[in-house]
Amino acid sequence: MRKAAVSRQTGETAIELDFTIDGDGNSSIETGVGFFDHMLTLMTKHGLFNLDVKCDGDLEVDQHHSVEDIGIALGQAFNEALGDKKGITRYATVTTPMDEALSTISLDISGRAYFVYHVEGLKDKVGNFDTELVEEFFQAFVSNAKVTLHINLEYGKNTHHMIESIFKGFGRVLDQATQKNPRMKGIPSTKGSL
């Protein structure tokens, strides 16, 4: 079973995270940031992995450290859970509608951290969630998962829907790229390593 657990303690956050690639969409998310909990829950459901996260962060300062550090921990767990990467599909692109919003997410499990984020038109807040933290979460994930990720918001009007489209698409693209392809023998790279 492809899974990993990360325990991360800093002066700003204490995180316990368990991640299973080949799951069934179950999650237990407690970050102290309600909207972010909602996004991680639906990401897990549509990605068909399992994710348990408990974060005790310095929310009296703001949400930044909690959201970014969970991105770090999830990226580390994802990279570890993939193991040797033999037989994985590696690439995936998913377009996800959420009512009037549409996003396209492309992933390459490349062993190289590279992030492209083309998202415009978000309001500053959804409830009390700082929407600039969406980019911070994904940047932290990419840097630690060592993947190439392109997030393109095609259009949308409602900020909640726009972000939800992105997180659902992210879950789906993780699922597709990590699938084992029976025709793929060994590492999916001409270099022989990822």
N, C-alpha and C. Protein backbone atom coordinates (compact mmCIF):
# COMPACT_ATOMS: atom_id res chain seq x y z
N MET A 1 0.84 -1.19 0.00
CA MET A 1 0.00 0.00 0.00
C MET A 1 0.87 1.24 0.00
N ARG A 2 0.55 2.19 -0.88
CA ARG A 2 1.35 3.41 -0.98
C ARG A 2 0.81 4.45 0.00
N LYS A 3 1.53 4.61 1.09
CA LYS A 3 1.09 5.53 2.12
C LYS A 3 2.29 6.08 2.87
N ALA A 4 2.06 7.20 3.59
CA ALA A 4 3.13 7.82 4.38
C ALA A 4 2.50 8.65 5.48
N ALA A 5 3.27 8.80 6.56
CA ALA A 5 2.86 9.64 7.68
C ALA A 5 3.95 10.68 7.92
N VAL A 6 3.53 11.90 8.19
CA VAL A 6 4.46 12.99 8.46
C VAL A 6 4.08 13.65 9.77
N SER A 7 5.05 13.84 10.63
CA SER A 7 4.87 14.59 11.87
C SER A 7 5.80 15.79 11.77
N ARG A 8 5.22 16.99 11.80
CA ARG A 8 6.03 18.20 11.60
C ARG A 8 5.75 19.18 12.74
N GLN A 9 6.80 19.52 13.47
CA GLN A 9 6.68 20.43 14.61
C GLN A 9 7.59 21.63 14.39
N THR A 10 7.02 22.83 14.44
CA THR A 10 7.81 24.05 14.38
C THR A 10 7.32 24.99 15.48
N GLY A 11 7.91 26.16 15.56
CA GLY A 11 7.44 27.16 16.52
C GLY A 11 6.11 27.77 16.12
N GLU A 12 5.63 27.44 14.90
CA GLU A 12 4.39 28.02 14.39
C GLU A 12 3.25 27.01 14.26
N THR A 13 3.60 25.74 14.00
CA THR A 13 2.57 24.72 13.81
C THR A 13 3.03 23.38 14.35
N ALA A 14 2.05 22.56 14.70
CA ALA A 14 2.28 21.15 15.03
C ALA A 14 1.31 20.35 14.16
N ILE A 15 1.86 19.53 13.26
CA ILE A 15 1.04 18.83 12.27
C ILE A 15 1.28 17.33 12.35
N GLU A 16 0.18 16.58 12.33
CA GLU A 16 0.21 15.13 12.17
C GLU A 16 -0.60 14.83 10.91
N LEU A 17 0.02 14.16 9.94
CA LEU A 17 -0.64 13.93 8.66
C LEU A 17 -0.40 12.50 8.20
N ASP A 18 -1.46 11.83 7.80
CA ASP A 18 -1.40 10.49 7.22
C ASP A 18 -2.03 10.54 5.84
N PHE A 19 -1.31 10.00 4.85
CA PHE A 19 -1.75 10.08 3.46
C PHE A 19 -1.64 8.70 2.81
N THR A 20 -2.71 8.27 2.15
CA THR A 20 -2.72 7.01 1.41
C THR A 20 -3.15 7.28 -0.02
N ILE A 21 -2.29 6.93 -0.98
CA ILE A 21 -2.61 7.16 -2.39
C ILE A 21 -3.78 6.30 -2.83
N ASP A 22 -3.71 5.01 -2.54
CA ASP A 22 -4.72 4.07 -3.02
C ASP A 22 -5.82 3.91 -1.96
N GLY A 23 -6.57 4.98 -1.76
CA GLY A 23 -7.60 4.99 -0.75
C GLY A 23 -8.99 4.93 -1.35
N ASP A 24 -9.95 5.45 -0.61
CA ASP A 24 -11.33 5.47 -1.09
C ASP A 24 -12.03 6.80 -0.84
N GLY A 25 -11.24 7.85 -0.61
CA GLY A 25 -11.81 9.18 -0.47
C GLY A 25 -12.17 9.58 0.94
N ASN A 26 -11.69 8.84 1.93
CA ASN A 26 -12.01 9.16 3.32
C ASN A 26 -11.03 10.17 3.89
N SER A 27 -11.54 11.04 4.76
CA SER A 27 -10.68 12.06 5.35
C SER A 27 -11.14 12.40 6.76
N SER A 28 -10.18 12.87 7.54
CA SER A 28 -10.44 13.48 8.83
C SER A 28 -9.54 14.71 8.89
N ILE A 29 -10.12 15.88 8.75
CA ILE A 29 -9.36 17.11 8.59
C ILE A 29 -9.69 18.08 9.72
N GLU A 30 -8.67 18.48 10.48
CA GLU A 30 -8.85 19.47 11.54
C GLU A 30 -7.68 20.44 11.50
N THR A 31 -7.85 21.53 10.75
CA THR A 31 -6.78 22.52 10.62
C THR A 31 -7.04 23.78 11.42
N GLY A 32 -8.29 23.97 11.89
CA GLY A 32 -8.66 25.21 12.54
C GLY A 32 -9.08 26.29 11.57
N VAL A 33 -9.02 25.97 10.25
CA VAL A 33 -9.42 26.91 9.20
C VAL A 33 -10.55 26.24 8.42
N GLY A 34 -11.78 26.63 8.71
CA GLY A 34 -12.96 25.93 8.20
C GLY A 34 -13.02 25.77 6.70
N PHE A 35 -12.80 26.84 5.95
CA PHE A 35 -12.88 26.75 4.50
C PHE A 35 -11.80 25.83 3.95
N PHE A 36 -10.61 25.90 4.52
CA PHE A 36 -9.50 25.05 4.10
C PHE A 36 -9.81 23.58 4.40
N ASP A 37 -10.42 23.30 5.55
CA ASP A 37 -10.87 21.94 5.86
C ASP A 37 -11.80 21.43 4.76
N HIS A 38 -12.73 22.28 4.36
CA HIS A 38 -13.69 21.92 3.31
C HIS A 38 -12.97 21.60 2.01
N MET A 39 -11.98 22.40 1.62
CA MET A 39 -11.25 22.18 0.38
C MET A 39 -10.44 20.88 0.43
N LEU A 40 -9.78 20.62 1.55
CA LEU A 40 -8.99 19.39 1.68
C LEU A 40 -9.90 18.15 1.68
N THR A 41 -11.08 18.28 2.27
CA THR A 41 -12.03 17.17 2.30
C THR A 41 -12.51 16.82 0.90
N LEU A 42 -12.90 17.81 0.13
CA LEU A 42 -13.40 17.52 -1.21
C LEU A 42 -12.27 17.11 -2.15
N MET A 43 -11.06 17.65 -1.96
CA MET A 43 -9.89 17.22 -2.73
C MET A 43 -9.66 15.72 -2.52
N THR A 44 -9.75 15.28 -1.27
CA THR A 44 -9.54 13.87 -0.93
C THR A 44 -10.63 13.00 -1.53
N LYS A 45 -11.87 13.44 -1.43
CA LYS A 45 -13.00 12.68 -1.95
C LYS A 45 -12.87 12.45 -3.45
N HIS A 46 -12.55 13.50 -4.18
CA HIS A 46 -12.49 13.39 -5.63
C HIS A 46 -11.16 12.80 -6.12
N GLY A 47 -10.14 12.79 -5.26
CA GLY A 47 -8.87 12.16 -5.59
C GLY A 47 -8.82 10.70 -5.20
N LEU A 48 -9.82 10.25 -4.44
CA LEU A 48 -9.91 8.85 -4.01
C LEU A 48 -8.66 8.38 -3.27
N PHE A 49 -8.03 9.30 -2.54
CA PHE A 49 -7.00 8.88 -1.60
C PHE A 49 -7.58 9.06 -0.20
N ASN A 50 -6.82 8.72 0.80
CA ASN A 50 -7.24 8.94 2.19
C ASN A 50 -6.30 9.95 2.82
N LEU A 51 -6.86 10.85 3.61
CA LEU A 51 -6.05 11.90 4.22
C LEU A 51 -6.57 12.22 5.61
N ASP A 52 -5.69 12.11 6.59
CA ASP A 52 -5.98 12.56 7.94
C ASP A 52 -4.99 13.67 8.28
N VAL A 53 -5.52 14.81 8.71
CA VAL A 53 -4.67 15.95 9.07
C VAL A 53 -5.15 16.55 10.38
N LYS A 54 -4.23 16.75 11.27
CA LYS A 54 -4.49 17.48 12.52
C LYS A 54 -3.42 18.55 12.62
N CYS A 55 -3.85 19.81 12.68
CA CYS A 55 -2.90 20.92 12.75
C CYS A 55 -3.27 21.83 13.90
N ASP A 56 -2.29 22.10 14.74
CA ASP A 56 -2.41 23.10 15.80
C ASP A 56 -1.48 24.24 15.42
N GLY A 57 -2.06 25.29 14.86
CA GLY A 57 -1.25 26.38 14.34
C GLY A 57 -1.49 27.68 15.07
N ASP A 58 -0.64 28.65 14.79
CA ASP A 58 -0.73 29.96 15.44
C ASP A 58 -1.76 30.85 14.74
N LEU A 59 -3.02 30.41 14.81
CA LEU A 59 -4.09 31.13 14.13
C LEU A 59 -4.35 32.50 14.74
N GLU A 60 -3.83 32.74 15.94
CA GLU A 60 -3.94 34.07 16.52
C GLU A 60 -3.10 35.09 15.74
N VAL A 61 -2.10 34.59 14.99
CA VAL A 61 -1.31 35.46 14.10
C VAL A 61 -2.07 35.63 12.79
N ASP A 62 -2.23 34.52 12.06
CA ASP A 62 -3.09 34.44 10.88
C ASP A 62 -3.09 32.99 10.41
N GLN A 63 -3.66 32.74 9.24
CA GLN A 63 -3.81 31.37 8.74
C GLN A 63 -2.61 30.90 7.92
N HIS A 64 -1.70 31.81 7.63
CA HIS A 64 -0.63 31.54 6.67
C HIS A 64 0.22 30.33 7.04
N HIS A 65 0.71 30.29 8.27
CA HIS A 65 1.62 29.22 8.67
C HIS A 65 0.93 27.86 8.61
N SER A 66 -0.32 27.79 9.05
CA SER A 66 -1.05 26.52 9.04
C SER A 66 -1.23 26.01 7.62
N VAL A 67 -1.71 26.86 6.73
CA VAL A 67 -1.98 26.44 5.36
C VAL A 67 -0.69 26.06 4.64
N GLU A 68 0.34 26.89 4.75
CA GLU A 68 1.60 26.60 4.08
C GLU A 68 2.25 25.33 4.63
N ASP A 69 2.25 25.17 5.95
CA ASP A 69 2.92 24.01 6.55
C ASP A 69 2.18 22.71 6.24
N ILE A 70 0.87 22.76 6.09
CA ILE A 70 0.14 21.57 5.66
C ILE A 70 0.51 21.24 4.22
N GLY A 71 0.70 22.24 3.38
CA GLY A 71 1.19 22.00 2.03
C GLY A 71 2.55 21.32 2.03
N ILE A 72 3.43 21.76 2.92
CA ILE A 72 4.75 21.14 3.05
C ILE A 72 4.61 19.68 3.46
N ALA A 73 3.83 19.42 4.51
CA ALA A 73 3.67 18.06 5.03
C ALA A 73 3.01 17.14 4.01
N LEU A 74 1.99 17.64 3.31
CA LEU A 74 1.32 16.82 2.29
C LEU A 74 2.27 16.51 1.14
N GLY A 75 3.07 17.50 0.73
CA GLY A 75 4.05 17.26 -0.33
C GLY A 75 5.07 16.21 0.07
N GLN A 76 5.55 16.27 1.30
CA GLN A 76 6.50 15.28 1.79
C GLN A 76 5.87 13.89 1.82
N ALA A 77 4.63 13.81 2.32
CA ALA A 77 3.95 12.52 2.39
C ALA A 77 3.68 11.95 1.00
N PHE A 78 3.27 12.80 0.07
CA PHE A 78 3.01 12.36 -1.30
C PHE A 78 4.28 11.78 -1.92
N ASN A 79 5.39 12.49 -1.79
CA ASN A 79 6.66 12.04 -2.36
C ASN A 79 7.10 10.71 -1.76
N GLU A 80 6.95 10.59 -0.44
CA GLU A 80 7.34 9.34 0.22
C GLU A 80 6.42 8.19 -0.17
N ALA A 81 5.11 8.45 -0.23
CA ALA A 81 4.15 7.39 -0.54
C ALA A 81 4.33 6.84 -1.95
N LEU A 82 4.82 7.66 -2.87
CA LEU A 82 5.03 7.20 -4.25
C LEU A 82 6.13 6.15 -4.35
N GLY A 83 7.01 6.11 -3.39
CA GLY A 83 8.08 5.11 -3.41
C GLY A 83 8.99 5.27 -4.60
N ASP A 84 9.25 4.17 -5.30
CA ASP A 84 10.21 4.20 -6.42
C ASP A 84 9.60 4.73 -7.72
N LYS A 85 8.29 4.97 -7.73
CA LYS A 85 7.55 5.53 -8.87
C LYS A 85 7.47 4.59 -10.08
N LYS A 86 7.84 3.35 -9.91
CA LYS A 86 7.77 2.40 -11.02
C LYS A 86 6.33 2.16 -11.43
N GLY A 87 6.10 2.22 -12.74
CA GLY A 87 4.81 1.87 -13.30
C GLY A 87 3.72 2.93 -13.21
N ILE A 88 4.03 4.11 -12.65
CA ILE A 88 2.99 5.14 -12.55
C ILE A 88 2.71 5.78 -13.90
N THR A 89 1.52 6.34 -14.04
CA THR A 89 1.14 7.03 -15.28
C THR A 89 1.98 8.29 -15.47
N ARG A 90 2.31 8.98 -14.41
CA ARG A 90 3.18 10.15 -14.32
C ARG A 90 2.48 11.46 -14.71
N TYR A 91 1.87 11.53 -15.87
CA TYR A 91 1.25 12.77 -16.35
C TYR A 91 -0.26 12.71 -16.23
N ALA A 92 -0.88 13.86 -15.98
CA ALA A 92 -2.34 13.95 -16.04
C ALA A 92 -2.75 15.40 -16.21
N THR A 93 -3.83 15.61 -16.93
CA THR A 93 -4.45 16.92 -17.06
C THR A 93 -5.95 16.74 -16.87
N VAL A 94 -6.53 17.59 -16.03
CA VAL A 94 -7.95 17.48 -15.70
C VAL A 94 -8.59 18.86 -15.76
N THR A 95 -9.73 18.94 -16.41
CA THR A 95 -10.54 20.16 -16.41
C THR A 95 -11.79 19.89 -15.58
N THR A 96 -12.05 20.80 -14.64
CA THR A 96 -13.13 20.56 -13.68
C THR A 96 -14.08 21.76 -13.62
N PRO A 97 -15.35 21.54 -13.95
CA PRO A 97 -16.33 22.61 -13.77
C PRO A 97 -16.87 22.62 -12.35
N MET A 98 -17.16 23.80 -11.86
CA MET A 98 -17.89 23.97 -10.60
C MET A 98 -18.86 25.11 -10.83
N ASP A 99 -20.07 24.76 -11.21
CA ASP A 99 -21.07 25.75 -11.62
C ASP A 99 -20.48 26.65 -12.71
N GLU A 100 -20.35 27.95 -12.46
CA GLU A 100 -19.89 28.86 -13.51
C GLU A 100 -18.37 28.90 -13.65
N ALA A 101 -17.64 28.23 -12.75
CA ALA A 101 -16.18 28.27 -12.75
C ALA A 101 -15.61 27.03 -13.44
N LEU A 102 -14.45 27.22 -14.07
CA LEU A 102 -13.79 26.12 -14.76
C LEU A 102 -12.28 26.27 -14.59
N SER A 103 -11.64 25.18 -14.17
CA SER A 103 -10.18 25.19 -14.04
C SER A 103 -9.58 23.98 -14.73
N THR A 104 -8.34 24.14 -15.16
CA THR A 104 -7.58 23.04 -15.74
C THR A 104 -6.29 22.89 -14.95
N ILE A 105 -6.04 21.68 -14.49
CA ILE A 105 -4.86 21.37 -13.69
C ILE A 105 -4.05 20.33 -14.44
N SER A 106 -2.74 20.57 -14.59
CA SER A 106 -1.84 19.62 -15.23
C SER A 106 -0.71 19.27 -14.27
N LEU A 107 -0.40 17.98 -14.19
CA LEU A 107 0.61 17.49 -13.26
C LEU A 107 1.59 16.58 -13.97
N ASP A 108 2.86 16.76 -13.64
CA ASP A 108 3.92 15.85 -14.07
C ASP A 108 4.69 15.45 -12.82
N ILE A 109 4.65 14.17 -12.48
CA ILE A 109 5.43 13.67 -11.34
C ILE A 109 6.86 13.49 -11.85
N SER A 110 7.57 14.59 -11.90
CA SER A 110 8.82 14.69 -12.65
C SER A 110 10.07 14.56 -11.80
N GLY A 111 9.93 14.71 -10.48
CA GLY A 111 11.12 14.79 -9.64
C GLY A 111 11.71 16.18 -9.61
N ARG A 112 11.05 17.12 -10.30
CA ARG A 112 11.49 18.52 -10.34
C ARG A 112 10.35 19.42 -9.89
N ALA A 113 10.63 20.31 -8.97
CA ALA A 113 9.61 21.22 -8.45
C ALA A 113 9.48 22.42 -9.38
N TYR A 114 8.32 22.56 -10.01
CA TYR A 114 8.03 23.73 -10.84
C TYR A 114 6.54 24.01 -10.75
N PHE A 115 6.20 25.28 -10.53
CA PHE A 115 4.81 25.65 -10.29
C PHE A 115 4.41 26.84 -11.15
N VAL A 116 3.29 26.69 -11.85
CA VAL A 116 2.69 27.77 -12.63
C VAL A 116 1.27 27.98 -12.11
N TYR A 117 0.95 29.22 -11.77
CA TYR A 117 -0.33 29.54 -11.15
C TYR A 117 -0.95 30.72 -11.89
N HIS A 118 -1.91 30.42 -12.75
CA HIS A 118 -2.63 31.46 -13.47
C HIS A 118 -4.07 31.52 -12.95
N VAL A 119 -4.25 32.26 -11.88
CA VAL A 119 -5.57 32.38 -11.25
C VAL A 119 -5.82 33.86 -10.98
N GLU A 120 -6.83 34.39 -11.63
CA GLU A 120 -7.18 35.79 -11.45
C GLU A 120 -8.65 35.92 -11.08
N GLY A 121 -8.96 37.00 -10.39
CA GLY A 121 -10.35 37.34 -10.12
C GLY A 121 -10.88 36.86 -8.77
N LEU A 122 -10.00 36.28 -7.92
CA LEU A 122 -10.47 35.88 -6.60
C LEU A 122 -10.67 37.10 -5.72
N LYS A 123 -11.74 37.11 -4.95
CA LYS A 123 -11.88 38.13 -3.91
C LYS A 123 -10.83 37.84 -2.84
N ASP A 124 -10.55 38.81 -1.98
CA ASP A 124 -9.52 38.64 -0.95
C ASP A 124 -9.86 37.57 0.08
N LYS A 125 -11.15 37.38 0.34
CA LYS A 125 -11.58 36.47 1.40
C LYS A 125 -12.75 35.62 0.94
N VAL A 126 -12.79 34.39 1.46
CA VAL A 126 -14.01 33.58 1.47
C VAL A 126 -14.28 33.33 2.94
N GLY A 127 -15.33 33.94 3.47
CA GLY A 127 -15.51 33.93 4.92
C GLY A 127 -14.32 34.63 5.55
N ASN A 128 -13.59 33.92 6.42
CA ASN A 128 -12.38 34.52 6.99
C ASN A 128 -11.11 33.91 6.41
N PHE A 129 -11.25 33.17 5.30
CA PHE A 129 -10.09 32.54 4.66
C PHE A 129 -9.43 33.52 3.69
N ASP A 130 -8.12 33.69 3.83
CA ASP A 130 -7.35 34.55 2.93
C ASP A 130 -7.07 33.79 1.63
N THR A 131 -7.65 34.24 0.53
CA THR A 131 -7.56 33.47 -0.71
C THR A 131 -6.15 33.46 -1.31
N GLU A 132 -5.29 34.39 -0.92
CA GLU A 132 -3.91 34.34 -1.41
C GLU A 132 -3.20 33.09 -0.90
N LEU A 133 -3.74 32.44 0.12
CA LEU A 133 -3.13 31.24 0.68
C LEU A 133 -3.33 30.02 -0.20
N VAL A 134 -4.23 30.09 -1.17
CA VAL A 134 -4.38 28.99 -2.13
C VAL A 134 -3.05 28.78 -2.86
N GLU A 135 -2.49 29.86 -3.36
CA GLU A 135 -1.21 29.78 -4.06
C GLU A 135 -0.10 29.31 -3.12
N GLU A 136 -0.09 29.79 -1.89
CA GLU A 136 0.93 29.40 -0.92
C GLU A 136 0.87 27.90 -0.63
N PHE A 137 -0.33 27.36 -0.50
CA PHE A 137 -0.49 25.92 -0.25
C PHE A 137 0.10 25.10 -1.39
N PHE A 138 -0.27 25.45 -2.61
CA PHE A 138 0.20 24.66 -3.75
C PHE A 138 1.70 24.83 -3.99
N GLN A 139 2.24 26.02 -3.75
CA GLN A 139 3.69 26.22 -3.88
C GLN A 139 4.43 25.34 -2.88
N ALA A 140 3.93 25.29 -1.65
CA ALA A 140 4.56 24.47 -0.62
C ALA A 140 4.47 22.99 -0.99
N PHE A 141 3.32 22.56 -1.50
CA PHE A 141 3.16 21.17 -1.92
C PHE A 141 4.16 20.83 -3.03
N VAL A 142 4.21 21.64 -4.07
CA VAL A 142 5.07 21.39 -5.21
C VAL A 142 6.54 21.29 -4.80
N SER A 143 6.98 22.21 -3.96
CA SER A 143 8.39 22.25 -3.54
C SER A 143 8.79 20.98 -2.80
N ASN A 144 7.85 20.39 -2.07
CA ASN A 144 8.17 19.21 -1.26
C ASN A 144 7.80 17.90 -1.93
N ALA A 145 6.83 17.92 -2.83
CA ALA A 145 6.47 16.71 -3.58
C ALA A 145 7.40 16.50 -4.76
N LYS A 146 8.10 17.57 -5.17
CA LYS A 146 9.01 17.51 -6.32
C LYS A 146 8.25 17.13 -7.59
N VAL A 147 7.20 17.90 -7.87
CA VAL A 147 6.39 17.70 -9.06
C VAL A 147 6.29 19.02 -9.82
N THR A 148 5.87 18.92 -11.07
CA THR A 148 5.53 20.09 -11.87
C THR A 148 4.01 20.21 -11.88
N LEU A 149 3.51 21.38 -11.50
CA LEU A 149 2.07 21.59 -11.41
C LEU A 149 1.70 22.91 -12.08
N HIS A 150 0.73 22.83 -12.99
CA HIS A 150 0.19 24.02 -13.65
C HIS A 150 -1.28 24.14 -13.27
N ILE A 151 -1.65 25.27 -12.70
CA ILE A 151 -3.04 25.54 -12.34
C ILE A 151 -3.51 26.73 -13.16
N ASN A 152 -4.53 26.50 -13.97
CA ASN A 152 -5.09 27.55 -14.81
C ASN A 152 -6.59 27.67 -14.54
N LEU A 153 -6.99 28.80 -14.00
CA LEU A 153 -8.41 29.08 -13.84
C LEU A 153 -8.88 29.71 -15.15
N GLU A 154 -9.75 29.01 -15.85
CA GLU A 154 -10.21 29.49 -17.16
C GLU A 154 -11.16 30.68 -16.99
N TYR A 155 -12.11 30.54 -16.05
CA TYR A 155 -13.04 31.62 -15.78
C TYR A 155 -13.87 31.27 -14.55
N GLY A 156 -14.61 32.24 -14.07
CA GLY A 156 -15.48 32.06 -12.92
C GLY A 156 -15.85 33.41 -12.33
N LYS A 157 -16.89 33.44 -11.53
CA LYS A 157 -17.34 34.66 -10.87
C LYS A 157 -17.35 34.53 -9.36
N ASN A 158 -17.75 33.37 -8.86
CA ASN A 158 -17.88 33.15 -7.43
C ASN A 158 -16.57 32.59 -6.89
N THR A 159 -15.95 33.29 -5.96
CA THR A 159 -14.63 32.90 -5.46
C THR A 159 -14.64 31.52 -4.83
N HIS A 160 -15.68 31.20 -4.07
CA HIS A 160 -15.79 29.86 -3.48
C HIS A 160 -15.78 28.80 -4.58
N HIS A 161 -16.58 28.99 -5.61
CA HIS A 161 -16.64 28.02 -6.71
C HIS A 161 -15.32 27.91 -7.44
N MET A 162 -14.65 29.03 -7.63
CA MET A 162 -13.37 29.02 -8.35
C MET A 162 -12.33 28.18 -7.61
N ILE A 163 -12.23 28.41 -6.30
CA ILE A 163 -11.26 27.67 -5.50
C ILE A 163 -11.67 26.20 -5.39
N GLU A 164 -12.95 25.95 -5.28
CA GLU A 164 -13.44 24.57 -5.20
C GLU A 164 -13.12 23.80 -6.48
N SER A 165 -13.29 24.44 -7.62
CA SER A 165 -12.94 23.81 -8.88
C SER A 165 -11.46 23.41 -8.89
N ILE A 166 -10.60 24.28 -8.38
CA ILE A 166 -9.16 24.01 -8.35
C ILE A 166 -8.85 22.83 -7.44
N PHE A 167 -9.40 22.81 -6.24
CA PHE A 167 -9.08 21.72 -5.31
C PHE A 167 -9.66 20.38 -5.77
N LYS A 168 -10.85 20.39 -6.33
CA LYS A 168 -11.40 19.15 -6.87
C LYS A 168 -10.53 18.64 -8.02
N GLY A 169 -10.14 19.55 -8.89
CA GLY A 169 -9.28 19.18 -10.01
C GLY A 169 -7.92 18.67 -9.55
N PHE A 170 -7.39 19.28 -8.51
CA PHE A 170 -6.11 18.85 -7.97
C PHE A 170 -6.21 17.41 -7.45
N GLY A 171 -7.26 17.10 -6.73
CA GLY A 171 -7.46 15.73 -6.27
C GLY A 171 -7.54 14.76 -7.43
N ARG A 172 -8.29 15.12 -8.44
CA ARG A 172 -8.47 14.24 -9.60
C ARG A 172 -7.16 14.03 -10.36
N VAL A 173 -6.37 15.09 -10.50
CA VAL A 173 -5.12 14.97 -11.25
C VAL A 173 -4.09 14.13 -10.47
N LEU A 174 -4.10 14.25 -9.14
CA LEU A 174 -3.23 13.39 -8.33
C LEU A 174 -3.61 11.93 -8.51
N ASP A 175 -4.90 11.66 -8.51
CA ASP A 175 -5.38 10.29 -8.68
C ASP A 175 -4.93 9.72 -10.02
N GLN A 176 -5.14 10.47 -11.09
CA GLN A 176 -4.84 9.96 -12.42
C GLN A 176 -3.34 9.76 -12.65
N ALA A 177 -2.54 10.71 -12.20
CA ALA A 177 -1.10 10.62 -12.45
C ALA A 177 -0.42 9.53 -11.64
N THR A 178 -0.99 9.18 -10.50
CA THR A 178 -0.39 8.16 -9.63
C THR A 178 -0.86 6.74 -9.95
N GLN A 179 -1.84 6.62 -10.85
CA GLN A 179 -2.34 5.29 -11.19
C GLN A 179 -1.23 4.44 -11.82
N LYS A 180 -1.25 3.16 -11.48
CA LYS A 180 -0.31 2.22 -12.09
C LYS A 180 -0.81 1.86 -13.48
N ASN A 181 0.10 1.91 -14.44
CA ASN A 181 -0.21 1.54 -15.82
C ASN A 181 0.45 0.19 -16.09
N PRO A 182 -0.33 -0.86 -16.32
CA PRO A 182 0.27 -2.18 -16.50
C PRO A 182 1.20 -2.27 -17.71
N ARG A 183 1.06 -1.35 -18.65
CA ARG A 183 1.94 -1.34 -19.82
C ARG A 183 3.27 -0.66 -19.55
N MET A 184 3.33 0.12 -18.45
CA MET A 184 4.55 0.84 -18.12
C MET A 184 5.48 -0.06 -17.32
N LYS A 185 6.59 -0.38 -17.88
CA LYS A 185 7.57 -1.22 -17.20
C LYS A 185 8.65 -0.33 -16.61
N GLY A 186 8.79 -0.36 -15.31
CA GLY A 186 9.83 0.43 -14.64
C GLY A 186 9.45 1.88 -14.49
N ILE A 187 10.47 2.74 -14.45
CA ILE A 187 10.28 4.18 -14.25
C ILE A 187 9.82 4.82 -15.56
N PRO A 188 8.78 5.67 -15.52
CA PRO A 188 8.28 6.32 -16.75
C PRO A 188 9.15 7.51 -17.16
N SER A 189 10.39 7.21 -17.53
CA SER A 189 11.32 8.25 -17.98
C SER A 189 12.43 7.59 -18.78
N THR A 190 12.85 8.26 -19.86
CA THR A 190 13.98 7.73 -20.64
C THR A 190 15.29 7.83 -19.88
N LYS A 191 15.32 8.69 -18.83
CA LYS A 191 16.52 8.82 -18.00
C LYS A 191 16.66 7.65 -17.03
N GLY A 192 15.54 6.98 -16.76
CA GLY A 192 15.57 5.86 -15.83
C GLY A 192 15.38 6.25 -14.38
N SER A 193 15.11 7.54 -14.14
CA SER A 193 14.86 7.99 -12.76
C SER A 193 13.97 9.22 -12.80
N LEU A 194 13.26 9.42 -11.71
CA LEU A 194 12.42 10.62 -11.55
C LEU A 194 12.81 11.28 -10.24
